[in-house]
Amino acid sequence: MSLKKLTAAVMALCMAFSSAALAAEKTSQKEETKLVLTYEDAVERAVKNSTSIATIDEAVDLMEKNKEVLFTSLEGYFPYVGTDITVDASIGSLLGSVGTIDSSTKSYRYQKQMLEETAELMVKNCFNTIVTSEKTLELAKESLQLKQEEYSQLVMKHNLGMVSDNDLETAKNEITKMISNVTAAELAIDNLYASLANTTGLPKDTEFVIDYQMEYTPFTMTTGVEGYINVKTESDPSVMVAKAKLEDAQYQKKISLYETEPYSYLSKENAVNSADRELGDTKKNLRTSIINGYNSITQLESQRESLEAALTDAKTTYETAKVNYELGNITELQFRQAGLAVKSAENDILTNTSNHDILVFQFEHPYMLSGSSSSQS
């Protein structure tokens, strides 16, 4: 090769490297401009973005102001505590309103707690699903690539008369389905990011990535299930909302009016009985949900043991395949399929981790579990 041609070749190579480096730099700069959304930041944004929480804050503030007005209207006649009293209609109405405000304020604060925790659950679900979905998509793409390479080999065998038309067509249809599944998975992930952006109130068209690592921690309880049920059926916010309703009904019952409407006392008594039944149902549903939730967590942890055993088997198969590939006993495609099996087993464990994480979070806030949400409204 002449010096002139060699120089031209070197310059072309340098230009190629420069172009590649410039493209990499632009890609890197684009990535750096994206918002990095952490779990904690996302939860904080989701809570601030909740219009329901904002509505409750406004309602509580308004009720506190109304209560001050009511106290002024009572002109020193402070609400009774304890025993039944009989008053005229105007005083009774004011006292009843004070009791309702106290009950509603307490109820709203517990509802706000549930909304804040539910916002965190929504974020956790989005983050976990994004992580598992992206991993599943990665596996689907790799599996598709291997299937396409396998199909190429089938075409050659078909040309040699070693594979039937029907077998080749079946393999082709399978690839078509896999391509469709990959496309659907990509769209689903886009929707997950859009849902997360909507939940956290990010401005439209904001480009962001999540900074999140799922970790598995075996579930432990400091008390037995019955002890946990006893605590939660007295302290869970859904129970506290029902208790507030019962307290208000009991308060209203203690206020009797002169010249009252017929059967008004019976109506108040029925309101107490209804609120008491609602409280009982809330506790009963909560108990059932906690037992079912605990059993589901136990099942997930048992499944994990099987999944870890499957991963160990897949790794053993992979190591055997590696030796056979190096010895020339199997093809590269077969070797890579063994590697894909390991990744698939790892992904099964990742999915288990996600499901376990979500369920434990719900178990720690049992009103979120199925069957215990009836008293949130």
Protein backbone atom coordinates (compact mmCIF):
# COMPACT_ATOMS: atom_id res chain seq x y z
CA MET A 1 0.00 0.00 0.00
CA SER A 2 1.29 3.48 -0.91
CA LEU A 3 1.89 6.16 1.71
CA LYS A 4 -0.91 8.22 0.21
CA LYS A 5 -3.43 5.37 0.46
CA LEU A 6 -2.26 4.49 3.96
CA THR A 7 -2.68 8.09 5.09
CA ALA A 8 -6.17 8.24 3.60
CA ALA A 9 -7.11 4.99 5.32
CA VAL A 10 -5.84 6.25 8.67
CA MET A 11 -7.74 9.53 8.26
CA ALA A 12 -10.94 7.66 7.36
CA LEU A 13 -10.51 5.42 10.40
CA CYS A 14 -9.93 8.45 12.64
CA MET A 15 -13.03 10.14 11.24
CA ALA A 16 -15.06 7.01 11.89
CA PHE A 17 -13.85 6.84 15.49
CA SER A 18 -14.53 10.57 15.90
CA SER A 19 -18.08 10.19 14.58
CA ALA A 20 -18.71 7.23 16.87
CA ALA A 21 -17.28 9.12 19.84
CA LEU A 22 -19.38 12.18 19.01
CA ALA A 23 -22.53 10.07 18.73
CA ALA A 24 -21.74 8.38 22.05
CA GLU A 25 -21.13 11.76 23.65
CA LYS A 26 -24.46 13.11 22.34
CA THR A 27 -26.26 10.01 23.65
CA SER A 28 -24.54 10.42 27.00
CA GLN A 29 -25.49 14.09 27.16
CA LYS A 30 -29.09 13.23 26.32
CA GLU A 31 -29.17 10.66 29.11
CA GLU A 32 -27.71 13.18 31.54
CA THR A 33 -30.47 15.67 30.74
CA LYS A 34 -33.15 13.20 31.80
CA LEU A 35 -34.67 13.55 35.24
CA VAL A 36 -33.54 10.80 37.61
CA LEU A 37 -36.60 9.86 39.66
CA THR A 38 -35.93 8.08 42.96
CA TYR A 39 -38.57 6.19 44.91
CA GLU A 40 -38.63 8.72 47.74
CA ASP A 41 -38.92 11.64 45.32
CA ALA A 42 -41.70 9.91 43.40
CA VAL A 43 -43.72 9.24 46.58
CA GLU A 44 -43.37 12.86 47.68
CA ARG A 45 -44.48 14.07 44.24
CA ALA A 46 -47.42 11.64 44.16
CA VAL A 47 -48.70 12.85 47.55
CA LYS A 48 -48.40 16.50 46.50
CA ASN A 49 -50.11 15.72 43.19
CA SER A 50 -53.15 14.06 44.78
CA THR A 51 -56.21 16.27 44.37
CA SER A 52 -58.09 14.08 46.86
CA ILE A 53 -55.56 14.90 49.57
CA ALA A 54 -55.73 18.59 48.72
CA THR A 55 -59.53 18.44 48.94
CA ILE A 56 -59.35 16.85 52.39
CA ASP A 57 -56.92 19.51 53.61
CA GLU A 58 -59.29 22.22 52.45
CA ALA A 59 -62.29 20.48 54.02
CA VAL A 60 -60.55 20.10 57.40
CA ASP A 61 -59.49 23.75 57.36
CA LEU A 62 -63.05 24.84 56.54
CA MET A 63 -64.53 22.66 59.30
CA GLU A 64 -62.16 24.08 61.88
CA LYS A 65 -63.26 27.60 60.91
CA ASN A 66 -66.92 26.57 61.02
CA LYS A 67 -66.39 25.10 64.48
CA GLU A 68 -65.11 28.47 65.72
CA VAL A 69 -68.26 30.11 64.36
CA LEU A 70 -70.42 27.50 66.09
CA PHE A 71 -68.72 28.08 69.43
CA THR A 72 -69.38 31.79 69.05
CA SER A 73 -73.04 31.07 68.29
CA LEU A 74 -73.32 28.93 71.42
CA GLU A 75 -72.48 32.05 73.48
CA GLY A 76 -70.66 30.23 76.22
CA TYR A 77 -72.91 27.16 76.22
CA PHE A 78 -70.16 24.58 75.74
CA PRO A 79 -70.95 21.09 74.50
CA TYR A 80 -71.71 18.60 77.20
CA VAL A 81 -69.49 15.66 77.93
CA GLY A 82 -70.86 12.33 79.09
CA THR A 83 -74.52 12.31 80.11
CA ASP A 84 -77.67 12.82 78.07
CA ILE A 85 -79.09 16.34 77.90
CA THR A 86 -82.28 17.92 76.60
CA VAL A 87 -82.11 21.31 74.92
CA ASP A 88 -84.17 23.41 72.57
CA ALA A 89 -83.85 22.94 68.82
CA SER A 90 -81.46 25.84 68.15
CA ILE A 91 -78.94 24.75 70.79
CA GLY A 92 -79.35 21.10 69.85
CA SER A 93 -78.62 21.89 66.20
CA LEU A 94 -75.46 23.78 67.14
CA LEU A 95 -74.26 21.03 69.48
CA GLY A 96 -75.00 18.41 66.86
CA SER A 97 -73.01 20.33 64.27
CA VAL A 98 -70.04 20.60 66.63
CA GLY A 99 -70.09 16.83 67.16
CA THR A 100 -70.35 16.14 63.44
CA ILE A 101 -67.43 18.47 62.72
CA ASP A 102 -65.27 16.75 65.36
CA SER A 103 -66.15 13.33 63.93
CA SER A 104 -65.65 14.39 60.31
CA THR A 105 -62.32 16.07 61.10
CA LYS A 106 -61.04 12.92 62.76
CA SER A 107 -62.37 10.76 59.92
CA TYR A 108 -60.82 12.99 57.24
CA ARG A 109 -57.41 12.83 58.88
CA TYR A 110 -57.47 9.03 58.77
CA GLN A 111 -58.73 9.12 55.20
CA LYS A 112 -55.84 11.43 54.34
CA GLN A 113 -53.43 8.92 55.88
CA MET A 114 -54.91 6.19 53.68
CA LEU A 115 -54.66 8.36 50.58
CA GLU A 116 -51.01 9.16 51.27
CA GLU A 117 -50.17 5.49 51.81
CA THR A 118 -52.15 4.50 48.74
CA ALA A 119 -50.18 7.04 46.70
CA GLU A 120 -47.00 5.31 47.87
CA LEU A 121 -48.43 1.93 46.89
CA MET A 122 -49.18 3.28 43.39
CA VAL A 123 -45.58 4.47 43.06
CA LYS A 124 -44.20 1.19 44.36
CA ASN A 125 -46.38 -0.77 41.96
CA CYS A 126 -45.25 1.38 39.02
CA PHE A 127 -41.56 1.11 39.93
CA ASN A 128 -41.71 -2.65 40.51
CA THR A 129 -43.67 -3.29 37.33
CA ILE A 130 -41.29 -1.18 35.26
CA VAL A 131 -38.28 -3.11 36.58
CA THR A 132 -39.84 -6.53 35.98
CA SER A 133 -41.33 -5.54 32.61
CA GLU A 134 -38.04 -4.18 31.28
CA LYS A 135 -36.27 -7.36 32.34
CA THR A 136 -38.97 -9.48 30.70
CA LEU A 137 -38.67 -7.41 27.51
CA GLU A 138 -34.91 -7.93 27.50
CA LEU A 139 -35.43 -11.68 27.73
CA ALA A 140 -38.12 -11.61 25.04
CA LYS A 141 -35.78 -9.82 22.63
CA GLU A 142 -32.96 -12.26 23.31
CA SER A 143 -35.32 -15.20 22.93
CA LEU A 144 -36.56 -13.74 19.63
CA GLN A 145 -33.01 -13.38 18.36
CA LEU A 146 -32.25 -17.02 19.16
CA LYS A 147 -35.49 -18.13 17.54
CA GLN A 148 -34.64 -16.18 14.39
CA GLU A 149 -31.22 -17.83 14.25
CA GLU A 150 -32.87 -21.20 14.77
CA TYR A 151 -35.27 -20.39 11.94
CA SER A 152 -32.36 -19.60 9.62
CA GLN A 153 -30.99 -23.06 10.30
CA LEU A 154 -34.41 -24.56 9.64
CA VAL A 155 -34.52 -22.80 6.26
CA MET A 156 -31.23 -24.40 5.29
CA LYS A 157 -32.45 -27.81 6.43
CA HIS A 158 -35.70 -27.21 4.54
CA ASN A 159 -33.74 -26.51 1.36
CA LEU A 160 -32.00 -29.84 1.86
CA GLY A 161 -35.31 -31.59 2.34
CA MET A 162 -34.69 -32.29 6.03
CA VAL A 163 -37.58 -30.13 7.32
CA SER A 164 -41.19 -30.14 6.08
CA ASP A 165 -43.05 -27.10 4.78
CA ASN A 166 -45.44 -27.37 7.71
CA ASP A 167 -42.64 -27.31 10.31
CA LEU A 168 -41.05 -24.30 8.65
CA GLU A 169 -44.37 -22.44 8.52
CA THR A 170 -45.02 -23.22 12.19
CA ALA A 171 -41.61 -21.81 13.14
CA LYS A 172 -42.27 -18.69 11.05
CA ASN A 173 -45.64 -18.11 12.73
CA GLU A 174 -44.01 -18.49 16.12
CA ILE A 175 -41.52 -15.76 15.26
CA THR A 176 -44.36 -13.50 14.10
CA LYS A 177 -46.10 -13.97 17.45
CA MET A 178 -42.87 -13.27 19.33
CA ILE A 179 -42.32 -10.04 17.38
CA SER A 180 -45.88 -8.99 18.18
CA ASN A 181 -45.34 -9.77 21.86
CA VAL A 182 -42.14 -7.70 21.94
CA THR A 183 -43.93 -4.74 20.37
CA ALA A 184 -46.80 -5.06 22.85
CA ALA A 185 -44.33 -5.23 25.76
CA GLU A 186 -42.56 -2.08 24.57
CA LEU A 187 -45.88 -0.22 24.38
CA ALA A 188 -46.84 -1.50 27.84
CA ILE A 189 -43.61 -0.14 29.29
CA ASP A 190 -44.22 3.22 27.64
CA ASN A 191 -47.66 3.24 29.28
CA LEU A 192 -46.12 2.41 32.65
CA TYR A 193 -43.80 5.40 32.42
CA ALA A 194 -46.74 7.58 31.34
CA SER A 195 -48.77 6.32 34.29
CA LEU A 196 -45.91 7.04 36.69
CA ALA A 197 -45.52 10.53 35.24
CA ASN A 198 -49.24 11.15 35.68
CA THR A 199 -49.21 9.83 39.26
CA THR A 200 -46.26 12.00 40.25
CA GLY A 201 -47.49 15.07 38.38
CA LEU A 202 -44.45 15.42 36.14
CA PRO A 203 -44.85 18.04 33.41
CA LYS A 204 -45.92 16.72 30.03
CA ASP A 205 -43.14 15.30 27.83
CA THR A 206 -40.68 15.16 30.75
CA GLU A 207 -38.01 12.60 29.98
CA PHE A 208 -36.99 10.63 33.04
CA VAL A 209 -35.47 7.41 34.26
CA ILE A 210 -36.03 5.69 37.58
CA ASP A 211 -33.33 5.01 40.15
CA TYR A 212 -34.62 1.96 41.99
CA GLN A 213 -33.39 -1.37 43.24
CA MET A 214 -35.75 -4.07 44.48
CA GLU A 215 -34.48 -6.10 47.41
CA TYR A 216 -35.94 -9.24 48.90
CA THR A 217 -36.34 -9.46 52.66
CA PRO A 218 -38.04 -12.50 54.22
CA PHE A 219 -41.16 -11.43 56.09
CA THR A 220 -41.01 -11.62 59.88
CA MET A 221 -43.54 -10.76 62.57
CA THR A 222 -42.71 -9.75 66.13
CA THR A 223 -46.12 -11.04 67.22
CA GLY A 224 -48.26 -13.93 66.03
CA VAL A 225 -51.01 -13.44 63.49
CA GLU A 226 -53.66 -13.16 66.20
CA GLY A 227 -51.65 -10.53 68.03
CA TYR A 228 -51.21 -8.59 64.80
CA ILE A 229 -54.95 -8.81 64.13
CA ASN A 230 -55.73 -7.52 67.63
CA VAL A 231 -53.50 -4.49 67.07
CA LYS A 232 -54.73 -3.67 63.57
CA THR A 233 -58.43 -4.09 64.36
CA GLU A 234 -58.02 -1.28 66.87
CA SER A 235 -55.56 0.99 65.07
CA ASP A 236 -55.96 0.54 61.29
CA PRO A 237 -57.15 3.83 59.73
CA SER A 238 -60.16 2.12 58.13
CA VAL A 239 -61.23 1.04 61.62
CA MET A 240 -60.61 4.52 63.00
CA VAL A 241 -62.87 6.01 60.32
CA ALA A 242 -65.65 3.60 61.33
CA LYS A 243 -65.04 4.41 65.00
CA ALA A 244 -65.39 8.13 64.28
CA LYS A 245 -68.77 7.50 62.63
CA LEU A 246 -69.93 5.49 65.64
CA GLU A 247 -68.74 8.17 68.07
CA ASP A 248 -70.69 10.81 66.17
CA ALA A 249 -73.85 8.67 66.15
CA GLN A 250 -73.51 8.10 69.91
CA TYR A 251 -72.95 11.83 70.44
CA GLN A 252 -76.05 12.76 68.44
CA LYS A 253 -78.14 10.22 70.36
CA LYS A 254 -77.30 11.90 73.69
CA ILE A 255 -78.77 15.21 72.52
CA SER A 256 -82.54 15.29 73.04
CA LEU A 257 -84.67 18.19 71.83
CA TYR A 258 -87.81 19.76 73.30
CA GLU A 259 -90.82 19.37 71.04
CA THR A 260 -88.88 16.89 68.97
CA GLU A 261 -90.19 15.08 65.91
CA PRO A 262 -91.89 11.74 66.58
CA TYR A 263 -89.52 8.78 66.59
CA SER A 264 -86.43 11.02 66.36
CA TYR A 265 -84.85 9.17 69.28
CA LEU A 266 -85.43 5.83 67.53
CA SER A 267 -83.85 7.25 64.39
CA LYS A 268 -80.75 8.25 66.35
CA GLU A 269 -80.65 4.85 68.02
CA ASN A 270 -80.84 3.17 64.62
CA ALA A 271 -77.96 5.36 63.44
CA VAL A 272 -75.88 4.12 66.37
CA ASN A 273 -76.74 0.51 65.65
CA SER A 274 -75.90 0.95 61.97
CA ALA A 275 -72.53 2.58 62.74
CA ASP A 276 -71.79 -0.14 65.28
CA ARG A 277 -72.49 -2.84 62.69
CA GLU A 278 -70.28 -1.05 60.17
CA LEU A 279 -67.44 -0.98 62.69
CA GLY A 280 -67.93 -4.68 63.39
CA ASP A 281 -67.95 -5.52 59.67
CA THR A 282 -64.81 -3.46 59.12
CA LYS A 283 -62.99 -5.36 61.85
CA LYS A 284 -64.27 -8.71 60.59
CA ASN A 285 -63.22 -7.98 57.00
CA LEU A 286 -59.86 -6.74 58.21
CA ARG A 287 -59.30 -9.95 60.16
CA THR A 288 -60.09 -12.08 57.10
CA SER A 289 -57.84 -9.95 54.89
CA ILE A 290 -54.92 -10.21 57.31
CA ILE A 291 -55.21 -14.00 57.51
CA ASN A 292 -55.44 -14.32 53.71
CA GLY A 293 -52.60 -11.85 53.23
CA TYR A 294 -50.35 -13.72 55.63
CA ASN A 295 -51.09 -17.01 53.85
CA SER A 296 -50.31 -15.41 50.48
CA ILE A 297 -46.98 -14.09 51.76
CA THR A 298 -46.12 -17.56 53.06
CA GLN A 299 -46.99 -19.06 49.66
CA LEU A 300 -44.78 -16.56 47.84
CA GLU A 301 -41.86 -17.39 50.13
CA SER A 302 -42.40 -21.11 49.56
CA GLN A 303 -42.51 -20.51 45.80
CA ARG A 304 -39.25 -18.61 46.09
CA GLU A 305 -37.53 -21.71 47.46
CA SER A 306 -38.66 -23.64 44.38
CA LEU A 307 -37.58 -20.81 42.07
CA GLU A 308 -34.13 -20.66 43.67
CA ALA A 309 -33.79 -24.43 43.22
CA ALA A 310 -34.79 -24.01 39.55
CA LEU A 311 -32.13 -21.31 39.16
CA THR A 312 -29.50 -23.60 40.65
CA ASP A 313 -30.51 -26.32 38.17
CA ALA A 314 -30.37 -23.86 35.27
CA LYS A 315 -26.88 -22.74 36.28
CA THR A 316 -25.72 -26.35 36.52
CA THR A 317 -27.13 -27.04 33.05
CA TYR A 318 -25.40 -23.93 31.75
CA GLU A 319 -22.01 -25.01 33.14
CA THR A 320 -22.46 -28.43 31.54
CA ALA A 321 -23.41 -26.79 28.25
CA LYS A 322 -20.33 -24.56 28.46
CA VAL A 323 -18.04 -27.58 28.75
CA ASN A 324 -19.81 -29.36 25.90
CA TYR A 325 -19.63 -26.26 23.73
CA GLU A 326 -15.90 -25.91 24.34
CA LEU A 327 -15.51 -29.58 23.41
CA GLY A 328 -17.56 -29.09 20.26
CA ASN A 329 -20.37 -31.38 21.38
CA ILE A 330 -23.12 -28.76 21.04
CA THR A 331 -23.69 -25.71 18.86
CA GLU A 332 -23.32 -22.09 19.90
CA LEU A 333 -27.07 -21.70 19.63
CA GLN A 334 -27.64 -24.51 22.14
CA PHE A 335 -25.08 -22.96 24.47
CA ARG A 336 -26.77 -19.57 24.31
CA GLN A 337 -30.16 -21.16 24.93
CA ALA A 338 -28.78 -22.59 28.16
CA GLY A 339 -27.62 -19.11 29.14
CA LEU A 340 -31.07 -17.71 28.37
CA ALA A 341 -32.60 -20.33 30.64
CA VAL A 342 -30.50 -18.98 33.52
CA LYS A 343 -31.69 -15.42 32.84
CA SER A 344 -35.27 -16.63 32.66
CA ALA A 345 -34.95 -18.33 36.05
CA GLU A 346 -33.44 -15.14 37.48
CA ASN A 347 -36.36 -13.16 36.10
CA ASP A 348 -38.84 -15.53 37.75
CA ILE A 349 -37.17 -14.74 41.08
CA LEU A 350 -37.29 -11.02 40.31
CA THR A 351 -41.04 -11.27 39.68
CA ASN A 352 -41.44 -13.13 42.95
CA THR A 353 -39.49 -10.37 44.70
CA SER A 354 -41.82 -7.74 43.24
CA ASN A 355 -45.00 -9.59 44.20
CA HIS A 356 -43.65 -10.23 47.70
CA ASP A 357 -42.67 -6.58 48.14
CA ILE A 358 -46.12 -5.31 47.12
CA LEU A 359 -47.97 -7.82 49.27
CA VAL A 360 -45.88 -7.12 52.37
CA PHE A 361 -46.52 -3.38 51.94
CA GLN A 362 -50.26 -4.06 51.73
CA PHE A 363 -50.10 -6.40 54.72
CA GLU A 364 -48.50 -3.64 56.76
CA HIS A 365 -51.47 -1.46 55.76
CA PRO A 366 -54.24 -4.08 55.86
CA TYR A 367 -57.05 -1.82 54.65
CA MET A 368 -55.35 -2.10 51.25
CA LEU A 369 -55.94 -5.83 51.15
CA SER A 370 -59.00 -7.13 49.34
CA GLY A 371 -62.15 -7.14 51.42
CA SER A 372 -61.17 -4.42 53.88
CA SER A 373 -61.75 -1.33 51.79
CA SER A 374 -65.48 -1.00 52.24
CA SER A 375 -65.21 1.51 55.04
CA GLN A 376 -62.79 3.85 53.27
CA SER A 377 -65.57 5.76 51.52
